[in-house]
Amino acid sequence: ADNVTWLSSQLSARYKTLTTKRLNEIAWQIISSLQG
């Protein structure tokens, strides 16, 4: 959860119009990709 929050925060700097839900989805995709 902490990682999703941090990644979402970084992504929000680039994607200012995306919803929090969408930013969190992208954060989970990053984590999933790297973990896998």
ModelCIF file with pLDDT and N, C-alpha, C, O atoms, coordinates in Angstrom:
data_MODEL
#
_entry.id   MODEL 
#
_entity.id                         1 
_entity.type                       polymer 
_entity.pdbx_number_of_molecules   1 
#
_entity_poly.entity_id                      1 
_entity_poly.type                           'polypeptide(L)' 
_entity_poly.nstd_linkage                   no 
_entity_poly.nstd_monomer                   no 
_entity_poly.pdbx_seq_one_letter_code       ADNVTWLSSQLSARYKTLTTKRLNEIAWQIISSLQG 
_entity_poly.pdbx_seq_one_letter_code_can   ADNVTWLSSQLSARYKTLTTKRLNEIAWQIISSLQG 
_entity_poly.pdbx_strand_id                 A 
#
loop_
_entity_poly_seq.entity_id 
_entity_poly_seq.num 
_entity_poly_seq.mon_id 
_entity_poly_seq.hetero 
1 1  ALA n 
1 2  ASP n 
1 3  ASN n 
1 4  VAL n 
1 5  THR n 
1 6  TRP n 
1 7  LEU n 
1 8  SER n 
1 9  SER n 
1 10 GLN n 
1 11 LEU n 
1 12 SER n 
1 13 ALA n 
1 14 ARG n 
1 15 TYR n 
1 16 LYS n 
1 17 THR n 
1 18 LEU n 
1 19 THR n 
1 20 THR n 
1 21 LYS n 
1 22 ARG n 
1 23 LEU n 
1 24 ASN n 
1 25 GLU n 
1 26 ILE n 
1 27 ALA n 
1 28 TRP n 
1 29 GLN n 
1 30 ILE n 
1 31 ILE n 
1 32 SER n 
1 33 SER n 
1 34 LEU n 
1 35 GLN n 
1 36 GLY n 
#
_struct_asym.id          A 
_struct_asym.entity_id   1 
#
loop_
_ma_qa_metric.id 
_ma_qa_metric.mode 
_ma_qa_metric.name 
_ma_qa_metric.software_group_id 
_ma_qa_metric.type 
1 global pLDDT . pLDDT 
2 local  pLDDT . pLDDT 
#
_ma_qa_metric_global.metric_id      1 
_ma_qa_metric_global.metric_value   97.14 
_ma_qa_metric_global.model_id       1 
_ma_qa_metric_global.ordinal_id     1 
#
loop_
_ma_qa_metric_local.label_asym_id 
_ma_qa_metric_local.label_comp_id 
_ma_qa_metric_local.label_seq_id 
_ma_qa_metric_local.metric_id 
_ma_qa_metric_local.metric_value 
_ma_qa_metric_local.model_id 
_ma_qa_metric_local.ordinal_id 
A ALA 1  2 98.00 1 1  
A ASP 2  2 98.00 1 2  
A ASN 3  2 98.00 1 3  
A VAL 4  2 98.00 1 4  
A THR 5  2 98.00 1 5  
A TRP 6  2 98.00 1 6  
A LEU 7  2 98.00 1 7  
A SER 8  2 98.00 1 8  
A SER 9  2 97.00 1 9  
A GLN 10 2 97.00 1 10 
A LEU 11 2 97.00 1 11 
A SER 12 2 96.00 1 12 
A ALA 13 2 93.00 1 13 
A ARG 14 2 94.00 1 14 
A TYR 15 2 95.00 1 15 
A LYS 16 2 94.00 1 16 
A THR 17 2 95.00 1 17 
A LEU 18 2 96.00 1 18 
A THR 19 2 97.00 1 19 
A THR 20 2 97.00 1 20 
A LYS 21 2 98.00 1 21 
A ARG 22 2 97.00 1 22 
A LEU 23 2 98.00 1 23 
A ASN 24 2 98.00 1 24 
A GLU 25 2 98.00 1 25 
A ILE 26 2 98.00 1 26 
A ALA 27 2 98.00 1 27 
A TRP 28 2 98.00 1 28 
A GLN 29 2 97.00 1 29 
A ILE 30 2 98.00 1 30 
A ILE 31 2 98.00 1 31 
A SER 32 2 98.00 1 32 
A SER 33 2 98.00 1 33 
A LEU 34 2 98.00 1 34 
A GLN 35 2 98.00 1 35 
A GLY 36 2 97.00 1 36 
#
loop_
_atom_site.group_PDB 
_atom_site.id 
_atom_site.type_symbol 
_atom_site.label_atom_id 
_atom_site.label_alt_id 
_atom_site.label_comp_id 
_atom_site.label_asym_id 
_atom_site.label_entity_id 
_atom_site.label_seq_id 
_atom_site.pdbx_PDB_ins_code 
_atom_site.Cartn_x 
_atom_site.Cartn_y 
_atom_site.Cartn_z 
_atom_site.occupancy 
_atom_site.B_iso_or_equiv 
_atom_site.pdbx_formal_charge 
_atom_site.auth_seq_id 
_atom_site.auth_comp_id 
_atom_site.auth_asym_id 
_atom_site.auth_atom_id 
_atom_site.pdbx_PDB_model_num 
ATOM 1   N N  . ALA A 1 1  ? 0.840  -1.201  0.000   1.00 98.00 ? 1  ALA A N  1 
ATOM 2   C CA . ALA A 1 1  ? 0.000  0.000   0.000   1.00 98.00 ? 1  ALA A CA 1 
ATOM 3   C C  . ALA A 1 1  ? 0.876  1.253   0.000   1.00 98.00 ? 1  ALA A C  1 
ATOM 4   O O  . ALA A 1 1  ? 0.577  2.220   -0.700  1.00 98.00 ? 1  ALA A O  1 
ATOM 5   N N  . ASP A 1 2  ? 1.950  1.237   0.778   1.00 98.00 ? 2  ASP A N  1 
ATOM 6   C CA . ASP A 1 2  ? 2.884  2.375   0.807   1.00 98.00 ? 2  ASP A CA 1 
ATOM 7   C C  . ASP A 1 2  ? 3.524  2.583   -0.566  1.00 98.00 ? 2  ASP A C  1 
ATOM 8   O O  . ASP A 1 2  ? 3.694  3.718   -1.011  1.00 98.00 ? 2  ASP A O  1 
ATOM 9   N N  . ASN A 1 3  ? 3.877  1.480   -1.234  1.00 98.00 ? 3  ASN A N  1 
ATOM 10  C CA . ASN A 1 3  ? 4.487  1.578   -2.557  1.00 98.00 ? 3  ASN A CA 1 
ATOM 11  C C  . ASN A 1 3  ? 3.501  2.143   -3.577  1.00 98.00 ? 3  ASN A C  1 
ATOM 12  O O  . ASN A 1 3  ? 3.875  2.963   -4.415  1.00 98.00 ? 3  ASN A O  1 
ATOM 13  N N  . VAL A 1 4  ? 2.258  1.710   -3.510  1.00 98.00 ? 4  VAL A N  1 
ATOM 14  C CA . VAL A 1 4  ? 1.238  2.238   -4.415  1.00 98.00 ? 4  VAL A CA 1 
ATOM 15  C C  . VAL A 1 4  ? 1.066  3.733   -4.191  1.00 98.00 ? 4  VAL A C  1 
ATOM 16  O O  . VAL A 1 4  ? 0.968  4.497   -5.151  1.00 98.00 ? 4  VAL A O  1 
ATOM 17  N N  . THR A 1 5  ? 1.030  4.149   -2.952  1.00 98.00 ? 5  THR A N  1 
ATOM 18  C CA . THR A 1 5  ? 0.889  5.578   -2.633  1.00 98.00 ? 5  THR A CA 1 
ATOM 19  C C  . THR A 1 5  ? 2.063  6.368   -3.200  1.00 98.00 ? 5  THR A C  1 
ATOM 20  O O  . THR A 1 5  ? 1.869  7.418   -3.813  1.00 98.00 ? 5  THR A O  1 
ATOM 21  N N  . TRP A 1 6  ? 3.278  5.867   -2.998  1.00 98.00 ? 6  TRP A N  1 
ATOM 22  C CA . TRP A 1 6  ? 4.459  6.577   -3.484  1.00 98.00 ? 6  TRP A CA 1 
ATOM 23  C C  . TRP A 1 6  ? 4.466  6.650   -5.008  1.00 98.00 ? 6  TRP A C  1 
ATOM 24  O O  . TRP A 1 6  ? 4.682  7.717   -5.583  1.00 98.00 ? 6  TRP A O  1 
ATOM 25  N N  . LEU A 1 7  ? 4.230  5.516   -5.655  1.00 98.00 ? 7  LEU A N  1 
ATOM 26  C CA . LEU A 1 7  ? 4.236  5.496   -7.123  1.00 98.00 ? 7  LEU A CA 1 
ATOM 27  C C  . LEU A 1 7  ? 3.136  6.391   -7.689  1.00 98.00 ? 7  LEU A C  1 
ATOM 28  O O  . LEU A 1 7  ? 3.365  7.123   -8.652  1.00 98.00 ? 7  LEU A O  1 
ATOM 29  N N  . SER A 1 8  ? 1.953  6.334   -7.099  1.00 98.00 ? 8  SER A N  1 
ATOM 30  C CA . SER A 1 8  ? 0.848  7.179   -7.566  1.00 98.00 ? 8  SER A CA 1 
ATOM 31  C C  . SER A 1 8  ? 1.210  8.651   -7.462  1.00 98.00 ? 8  SER A C  1 
ATOM 32  O O  . SER A 1 8  ? 0.863  9.449   -8.333  1.00 98.00 ? 8  SER A O  1 
ATOM 33  N N  . SER A 1 9  ? 1.899  9.000   -6.408  1.00 97.00 ? 9  SER A N  1 
ATOM 34  C CA . SER A 1 9  ? 2.332  10.385  -6.223  1.00 97.00 ? 9  SER A CA 1 
ATOM 35  C C  . SER A 1 9  ? 3.296  10.806  -7.332  1.00 97.00 ? 9  SER A C  1 
ATOM 36  O O  . SER A 1 9  ? 3.205  11.920  -7.847  1.00 97.00 ? 9  SER A O  1 
ATOM 37  N N  . GLN A 1 10 ? 4.210  9.924   -7.697  1.00 97.00 ? 10 GLN A N  1 
ATOM 38  C CA . GLN A 1 10 ? 5.170  10.240  -8.760  1.00 97.00 ? 10 GLN A CA 1 
ATOM 39  C C  . GLN A 1 10 ? 4.455  10.353  -10.106 1.00 97.00 ? 10 GLN A C  1 
ATOM 40  O O  . GLN A 1 10 ? 4.740  11.247  -10.903 1.00 97.00 ? 10 GLN A O  1 
ATOM 41  N N  . LEU A 1 11 ? 3.529  9.438   -10.341 1.00 97.00 ? 11 LEU A N  1 
ATOM 42  C CA . LEU A 1 11 ? 2.788  9.448   -11.603 1.00 97.00 ? 11 LEU A CA 1 
ATOM 43  C C  . LEU A 1 11 ? 1.895  10.679  -11.725 1.00 97.00 ? 11 LEU A C  1 
ATOM 44  O O  . LEU A 1 11 ? 1.686  11.186  -12.827 1.00 97.00 ? 11 LEU A O  1 
ATOM 45  N N  . SER A 1 12 ? 1.375  11.156  -10.615 1.00 96.00 ? 12 SER A N  1 
ATOM 46  C CA . SER A 1 12 ? 0.481  12.318  -10.659 1.00 96.00 ? 12 SER A CA 1 
ATOM 47  C C  . SER A 1 12 ? 1.197  13.572  -11.150 1.00 96.00 ? 12 SER A C  1 
ATOM 48  O O  . SER A 1 12 ? 0.560  14.498  -11.652 1.00 96.00 ? 12 SER A O  1 
ATOM 49  N N  . ALA A 1 13 ? 2.523  13.602  -11.007 1.00 93.00 ? 13 ALA A N  1 
ATOM 50  C CA . ALA A 1 13 ? 3.289  14.745  -11.516 1.00 93.00 ? 13 ALA A CA 1 
ATOM 51  C C  . ALA A 1 13 ? 3.241  14.797  -13.042 1.00 93.00 ? 13 ALA A C  1 
ATOM 52  O O  . ALA A 1 13 ? 3.324  15.872  -13.636 1.00 93.00 ? 13 ALA A O  1 
ATOM 53  N N  . ARG A 1 14 ? 3.108  13.650  -13.660 1.00 94.00 ? 14 ARG A N  1 
ATOM 54  C CA . ARG A 1 14 ? 3.056  13.575  -15.123 1.00 94.00 ? 14 ARG A CA 1 
ATOM 55  C C  . ARG A 1 14 ? 1.619  13.567  -15.641 1.00 94.00 ? 14 ARG A C  1 
ATOM 56  O O  . ARG A 1 14 ? 1.301  14.210  -16.642 1.00 94.00 ? 14 ARG A O  1 
ATOM 57  N N  . TYR A 1 15 ? 0.776  12.843  -14.954 1.00 95.00 ? 15 TYR A N  1 
ATOM 58  C CA . TYR A 1 15 ? -0.598 12.640  -15.408 1.00 95.00 ? 15 TYR A CA 1 
ATOM 59  C C  . TYR A 1 15 ? -1.569 13.339  -14.468 1.00 95.00 ? 15 TYR A C  1 
ATOM 60  O O  . TYR A 1 15 ? -2.250 12.698  -13.666 1.00 95.00 ? 15 TYR A O  1 
ATOM 61  N N  . LYS A 1 16 ? -1.622 14.636  -14.576 1.00 94.00 ? 16 LYS A N  1 
ATOM 62  C CA . LYS A 1 16 ? -2.405 15.458  -13.661 1.00 94.00 ? 16 LYS A CA 1 
ATOM 63  C C  . LYS A 1 16 ? -3.918 15.260  -13.804 1.00 94.00 ? 16 LYS A C  1 
ATOM 64  O O  . LYS A 1 16 ? -4.672 15.558  -12.877 1.00 94.00 ? 16 LYS A O  1 
ATOM 65  N N  . THR A 1 17 ? -4.358 14.764  -14.950 1.00 95.00 ? 17 THR A N  1 
ATOM 66  C CA . THR A 1 17 ? -5.796 14.616  -15.171 1.00 95.00 ? 17 THR A CA 1 
ATOM 67  C C  . THR A 1 17 ? -6.321 13.224  -14.806 1.00 95.00 ? 17 THR A C  1 
ATOM 68  O O  . THR A 1 17 ? -7.532 13.004  -14.807 1.00 95.00 ? 17 THR A O  1 
ATOM 69  N N  . LEU A 1 18 ? -5.436 12.297  -14.498 1.00 96.00 ? 18 LEU A N  1 
ATOM 70  C CA . LEU A 1 18 ? -5.892 10.947  -14.150 1.00 96.00 ? 18 LEU A CA 1 
ATOM 71  C C  . LEU A 1 18 ? -6.462 10.919  -12.736 1.00 96.00 ? 18 LEU A C  1 
ATOM 72  O O  . LEU A 1 18 ? -6.004 11.635  -11.846 1.00 96.00 ? 18 LEU A O  1 
ATOM 73  N N  . THR A 1 19 ? -7.453 10.089  -12.557 1.00 97.00 ? 19 THR A N  1 
ATOM 74  C CA . THR A 1 19 ? -8.054 9.936   -11.235 1.00 97.00 ? 19 THR A CA 1 
ATOM 75  C C  . THR A 1 19 ? -7.103 9.172   -10.309 1.00 97.00 ? 19 THR A C  1 
ATOM 76  O O  . THR A 1 19 ? -6.185 8.491   -10.766 1.00 97.00 ? 19 THR A O  1 
ATOM 77  N N  . THR A 1 20 ? -7.335 9.296   -9.036  1.00 97.00 ? 20 THR A N  1 
ATOM 78  C CA . THR A 1 20 ? -6.543 8.549   -8.048  1.00 97.00 ? 20 THR A CA 1 
ATOM 79  C C  . THR A 1 20 ? -6.667 7.052   -8.304  1.00 97.00 ? 20 THR A C  1 
ATOM 80  O O  . THR A 1 20 ? -5.690 6.308   -8.207  1.00 97.00 ? 20 THR A O  1 
ATOM 81  N N  . LYS A 1 21 ? -7.876 6.625   -8.630  1.00 98.00 ? 21 LYS A N  1 
ATOM 82  C CA . LYS A 1 21 ? -8.100 5.202   -8.920  1.00 98.00 ? 21 LYS A CA 1 
ATOM 83  C C  . LYS A 1 21 ? -7.219 4.744   -10.078 1.00 98.00 ? 21 LYS A C  1 
ATOM 84  O O  . LYS A 1 21 ? -6.588 3.690   -10.005 1.00 98.00 ? 21 LYS A O  1 
ATOM 85  N N  . ARG A 1 22 ? -7.177 5.535   -11.140 1.00 97.00 ? 22 ARG A N  1 
ATOM 86  C CA . ARG A 1 22 ? -6.370 5.157   -12.318 1.00 97.00 ? 22 ARG A CA 1 
ATOM 87  C C  . ARG A 1 22 ? -4.878 5.201   -11.986 1.00 97.00 ? 22 ARG A C  1 
ATOM 88  O O  . ARG A 1 22 ? -4.129 4.325   -12.416 1.00 97.00 ? 22 ARG A O  1 
ATOM 89  N N  . LEU A 1 23 ? -4.446 6.187   -11.241 1.00 98.00 ? 23 LEU A N  1 
ATOM 90  C CA . LEU A 1 23 ? -3.036 6.260   -10.834 1.00 98.00 ? 23 LEU A CA 1 
ATOM 91  C C  . LEU A 1 23 ? -2.663 5.040   -9.995  1.00 98.00 ? 23 LEU A C  1 
ATOM 92  O O  . LEU A 1 23 ? -1.578 4.482   -10.157 1.00 98.00 ? 23 LEU A O  1 
ATOM 93  N N  . ASN A 1 24 ? -3.555 4.628   -9.104  1.00 98.00 ? 24 ASN A N  1 
ATOM 94  C CA . ASN A 1 24 ? -3.296 3.439   -8.284  1.00 98.00 ? 24 ASN A CA 1 
ATOM 95  C C  . ASN A 1 24 ? -3.235 2.181   -9.145  1.00 98.00 ? 24 ASN A C  1 
ATOM 96  O O  . ASN A 1 24 ? -2.409 1.303   -8.895  1.00 98.00 ? 24 ASN A O  1 
ATOM 97  N N  . GLU A 1 25 ? -4.089 2.085   -10.147 1.00 98.00 ? 25 GLU A N  1 
ATOM 98  C CA . GLU A 1 25 ? -4.049 0.930   -11.056 1.00 98.00 ? 25 GLU A CA 1 
ATOM 99  C C  . GLU A 1 25 ? -2.706 0.854   -11.779 1.00 98.00 ? 25 GLU A C  1 
ATOM 100 O O  . GLU A 1 25 ? -2.120 -0.222  -11.905 1.00 98.00 ? 25 GLU A O  1 
ATOM 101 N N  . ILE A 1 26 ? -2.231 1.984   -12.245 1.00 98.00 ? 26 ILE A N  1 
ATOM 102 C CA . ILE A 1 26 ? -0.931 2.017   -12.935 1.00 98.00 ? 26 ILE A CA 1 
ATOM 103 C C  . ILE A 1 26 ? 0.186  1.659   -11.954 1.00 98.00 ? 26 ILE A C  1 
ATOM 104 O O  . ILE A 1 26 ? 1.114  0.933   -12.309 1.00 98.00 ? 26 ILE A O  1 
ATOM 105 N N  . ALA A 1 27 ? 0.100  2.161   -10.736 1.00 98.00 ? 27 ALA A N  1 
ATOM 106 C CA . ALA A 1 27 ? 1.105  1.826   -9.718  1.00 98.00 ? 27 ALA A CA 1 
ATOM 107 C C  . ALA A 1 27 ? 1.137  0.319   -9.475  1.00 98.00 ? 27 ALA A C  1 
ATOM 108 O O  . ALA A 1 27 ? 2.212  -0.275  -9.390  1.00 98.00 ? 27 ALA A O  1 
ATOM 109 N N  . TRP A 1 28 ? -0.031 -0.296  -9.362  1.00 98.00 ? 28 TRP A N  1 
ATOM 110 C CA . TRP A 1 28 ? -0.087 -1.757  -9.182  1.00 98.00 ? 28 TRP A CA 1 
ATOM 111 C C  . TRP A 1 28 ? 0.511  -2.482  -10.384 1.00 98.00 ? 28 TRP A C  1 
ATOM 112 O O  . TRP A 1 28 ? 1.158  -3.516  -10.219 1.00 98.00 ? 28 TRP A O  1 
ATOM 113 N N  . GLN A 1 29 ? 0.304  -1.957  -11.587 1.00 97.00 ? 29 GLN A N  1 
ATOM 114 C CA . GLN A 1 29 ? 0.895  -2.570  -12.781 1.00 97.00 ? 29 GLN A CA 1 
ATOM 115 C C  . GLN A 1 29 ? 2.417  -2.503  -12.728 1.00 97.00 ? 29 GLN A C  1 
ATOM 116 O O  . GLN A 1 29 ? 3.098  -3.457  -13.104 1.00 97.00 ? 29 GLN A O  1 
ATOM 117 N N  . ILE A 1 30 ? 2.945  -1.386  -12.264 1.00 98.00 ? 30 ILE A N  1 
ATOM 118 C CA . ILE A 1 30 ? 4.400  -1.246  -12.129 1.00 98.00 ? 30 ILE A CA 1 
ATOM 119 C C  . ILE A 1 30 ? 4.923  -2.275  -11.131 1.00 98.00 ? 30 ILE A C  1 
ATOM 120 O O  . ILE A 1 30 ? 5.879  -2.996  -11.416 1.00 98.00 ? 30 ILE A O  1 
ATOM 121 N N  . ILE A 1 31 ? 4.297  -2.336  -9.973  1.00 98.00 ? 31 ILE A N  1 
ATOM 122 C CA . ILE A 1 31 ? 4.729  -3.283  -8.941  1.00 98.00 ? 31 ILE A CA 1 
ATOM 123 C C  . ILE A 1 31 ? 4.627  -4.713  -9.453  1.00 98.00 ? 31 ILE A C  1 
ATOM 124 O O  . ILE A 1 31 ? 5.560  -5.501  -9.296  1.00 98.00 ? 31 ILE A O  1 
ATOM 125 N N  . SER A 1 32 ? 3.502  -5.045  -10.064 1.00 98.00 ? 32 SER A N  1 
ATOM 126 C CA . SER A 1 32 ? 3.295  -6.406  -10.569 1.00 98.00 ? 32 SER A CA 1 
ATOM 127 C C  . SER A 1 32 ? 4.351  -6.775  -11.605 1.00 98.00 ? 32 SER A C  1 
ATOM 128 O O  . SER A 1 32 ? 4.900  -7.877  -11.577 1.00 98.00 ? 32 SER A O  1 
ATOM 129 N N  . SER A 1 33 ? 4.628  -5.857  -12.511 1.00 98.00 ? 33 SER A N  1 
ATOM 130 C CA . SER A 1 33 ? 5.626  -6.115  -13.553 1.00 98.00 ? 33 SER A CA 1 
ATOM 131 C C  . SER A 1 33 ? 7.009  -6.360  -12.953 1.00 98.00 ? 33 SER A C  1 
ATOM 132 O O  . SER A 1 33 ? 7.701  -7.308  -13.323 1.00 98.00 ? 33 SER A O  1 
ATOM 133 N N  . LEU A 1 34 ? 7.393  -5.501  -12.032 1.00 98.00 ? 34 LEU A N  1 
ATOM 134 C CA . LEU A 1 34 ? 8.732  -5.628  -11.444 1.00 98.00 ? 34 LEU A CA 1 
ATOM 135 C C  . LEU A 1 34 ? 8.843  -6.846  -10.536 1.00 98.00 ? 34 LEU A C  1 
ATOM 136 O O  . LEU A 1 34 ? 9.859  -7.541  -10.556 1.00 98.00 ? 34 LEU A O  1 
ATOM 137 N N  . GLN A 1 35 ? 7.814  -7.109  -9.743  1.00 98.00 ? 35 GLN A N  1 
ATOM 138 C CA . GLN A 1 35 ? 7.844  -8.290  -8.869  1.00 98.00 ? 35 GLN A CA 1 
ATOM 139 C C  . GLN A 1 35 ? 7.918  -9.566  -9.708  1.00 98.00 ? 35 GLN A C  1 
ATOM 140 O O  . GLN A 1 35 ? 8.720  -10.457 -9.428  1.00 98.00 ? 35 GLN A O  1 
ATOM 141 N N  . GLY A 1 36 ? 7.080  -9.645  -10.733 1.00 97.00 ? 36 GLY A N  1 
ATOM 142 C CA . GLY A 1 36 ? 7.073  -10.832 -11.592 1.00 97.00 ? 36 GLY A CA 1 
ATOM 143 C C  . GLY A 1 36 ? 8.389  -11.009 -12.333 1.00 97.00 ? 36 GLY A C  1 
ATOM 144 O O  . GLY A 1 36 ? 8.544  -11.961 -13.097 1.00 97.00 ? 36 GLY A O  1 
#
